[in-house]
C-alpha cells in the first residue's frame, strides 16, 4: 500500500482515471458494436450512419489516450471497407 502522501494521491488519481477510461472504452465499444450489427443486418444506410457517428468517438478515445492512433485507424479502415462492400 502507498505510504507517502504523494503515493497515496497518485493511487487515488490512478483509480479515478481508470474508471473514466473504462467508461470511455465501453462507450466506444458500444458504438463499434452498433456498426457491426448494422453490417450484419445488411442495411448499408444504417451501417454508414453508425460508422459516421462512431468515427469521431473513436478518435476522441485516441486523443484521450484510451486507444493508440494506429489501432483506431485500423478499426475505422476495416469497418469502412466492410460497409463499402455491402450491396
Protein backbone atom coordinates (compact mmCIF):
# COMPACT_ATOMS: atom_id res chain seq x y z
CA UNK A 1 0.00 0.00 0.00
CA UNK A 2 1.05 3.59 -0.58
CA UNK A 3 2.97 5.11 2.33
CA UNK A 4 3.88 8.64 1.34
CA UNK A 5 1.27 11.35 0.78
CA UNK A 6 2.37 11.63 -2.85
CA UNK A 7 1.95 7.89 -3.41
CA UNK A 8 -1.49 7.97 -1.77
CA UNK A 9 -2.55 10.83 -4.03
CA UNK A 10 -1.26 9.01 -7.12
CA UNK A 11 -3.19 5.88 -6.13
CA UNK A 12 -6.40 7.91 -5.90
CA UNK A 13 -5.69 9.63 -9.22
CA UNK A 14 -4.99 6.29 -10.89
CA UNK A 15 -8.25 4.82 -9.61
CA UNK A 16 -10.24 7.81 -10.86
CA UNK A 17 -8.51 7.81 -14.25
CA UNK A 18 -9.09 4.05 -14.59
CA UNK A 19 -12.84 4.44 -14.07
CA UNK A 20 -13.06 7.34 -16.55
CA UNK A 21 -11.07 5.41 -19.16
CA UNK A 22 -13.14 2.27 -18.56
CA UNK A 23 -16.38 4.19 -19.19
CA UNK A 24 -14.94 5.80 -22.31
CA UNK A 25 -13.69 2.47 -23.66
CA UNK A 26 -17.10 0.91 -23.02
CA UNK A 27 -18.85 3.78 -24.81
CA UNK A 28 -16.59 3.41 -27.85
CA UNK A 29 -17.15 -0.35 -27.97
CA UNK A 30 -20.91 0.26 -27.92
CA UNK A 31 -20.64 2.49 -30.99
CA UNK A 32 -18.46 -0.07 -32.75
CA UNK A 33 -20.94 -2.82 -31.89
CA UNK A 34 -23.76 -0.77 -33.45
CA UNK A 35 -21.77 -0.59 -36.69
CA UNK A 36 -21.14 -4.35 -36.57
CA UNK A 37 -24.86 -5.04 -36.02
CA UNK A 38 -25.83 -2.78 -38.93
CA UNK A 39 -23.32 -4.58 -41.17
CA UNK A 40 -24.66 -7.96 -40.05
CA UNK A 41 -28.22 -6.92 -40.84
CA UNK A 42 -27.13 -5.88 -44.34
CA UNK A 43 -28.55 -2.35 -44.09
CA UNK A 44 -25.99 -0.17 -45.87
CA UNK A 45 -27.52 3.21 -44.97
CA UNK A 46 -27.79 2.28 -41.29
CA UNK A 47 -24.21 0.99 -41.33
CA UNK A 48 -22.95 4.20 -42.95
CA UNK A 49 -24.78 6.32 -40.37
CA UNK A 50 -23.49 4.19 -37.47
CA UNK A 51 -19.94 4.45 -38.85
CA UNK A 52 -20.26 8.22 -39.27
CA UNK A 53 -21.23 8.51 -35.60
CA UNK A 54 -18.58 6.03 -34.39
CA UNK A 55 -15.58 7.63 -36.11
CA UNK A 56 -15.33 10.84 -34.04
CA UNK A 57 -16.00 8.85 -30.87
CA UNK A 58 -13.12 6.53 -31.69
CA UNK A 59 -10.76 9.42 -32.46
CA UNK A 60 -11.80 11.11 -29.22
CA UNK A 61 -10.63 7.96 -27.46
CA UNK A 62 -7.27 8.37 -29.19
CA UNK A 63 -6.91 11.98 -28.09
CA UNK A 64 -7.79 10.99 -24.50
CA UNK A 65 -5.20 8.22 -24.52
CA UNK A 66 -7.58 5.26 -24.33
CA UNK A 67 -6.60 3.80 -27.72
CA UNK A 68 -3.47 4.07 -29.83
CA UNK A 69 -3.86 6.10 -33.01
CA UNK A 70 -2.93 3.21 -35.30
CA UNK A 71 -5.39 0.89 -33.56
CA UNK A 72 -8.24 3.33 -34.08
CA UNK A 73 -7.24 3.94 -37.69
CA UNK A 74 -7.10 0.21 -38.35
CA UNK A 75 -10.55 -0.33 -36.82
CA UNK A 76 -12.06 2.53 -38.82
CA UNK A 77 -10.44 1.37 -42.05
CA UNK A 78 -11.67 -2.21 -41.67
CA UNK A 79 -15.19 -1.12 -40.75
CA UNK A 80 -15.33 1.36 -43.62
CA UNK A 81 -14.26 -1.26 -46.14
CA UNK A 82 -16.89 -3.68 -44.82
CA UNK A 83 -19.59 -1.00 -45.04
CA UNK A 84 -18.49 -0.12 -48.55
CA UNK A 85 -18.70 -3.80 -49.59
CA UNK A 86 -22.38 -4.03 -48.58
CA UNK A 87 -24.63 -4.38 -51.59
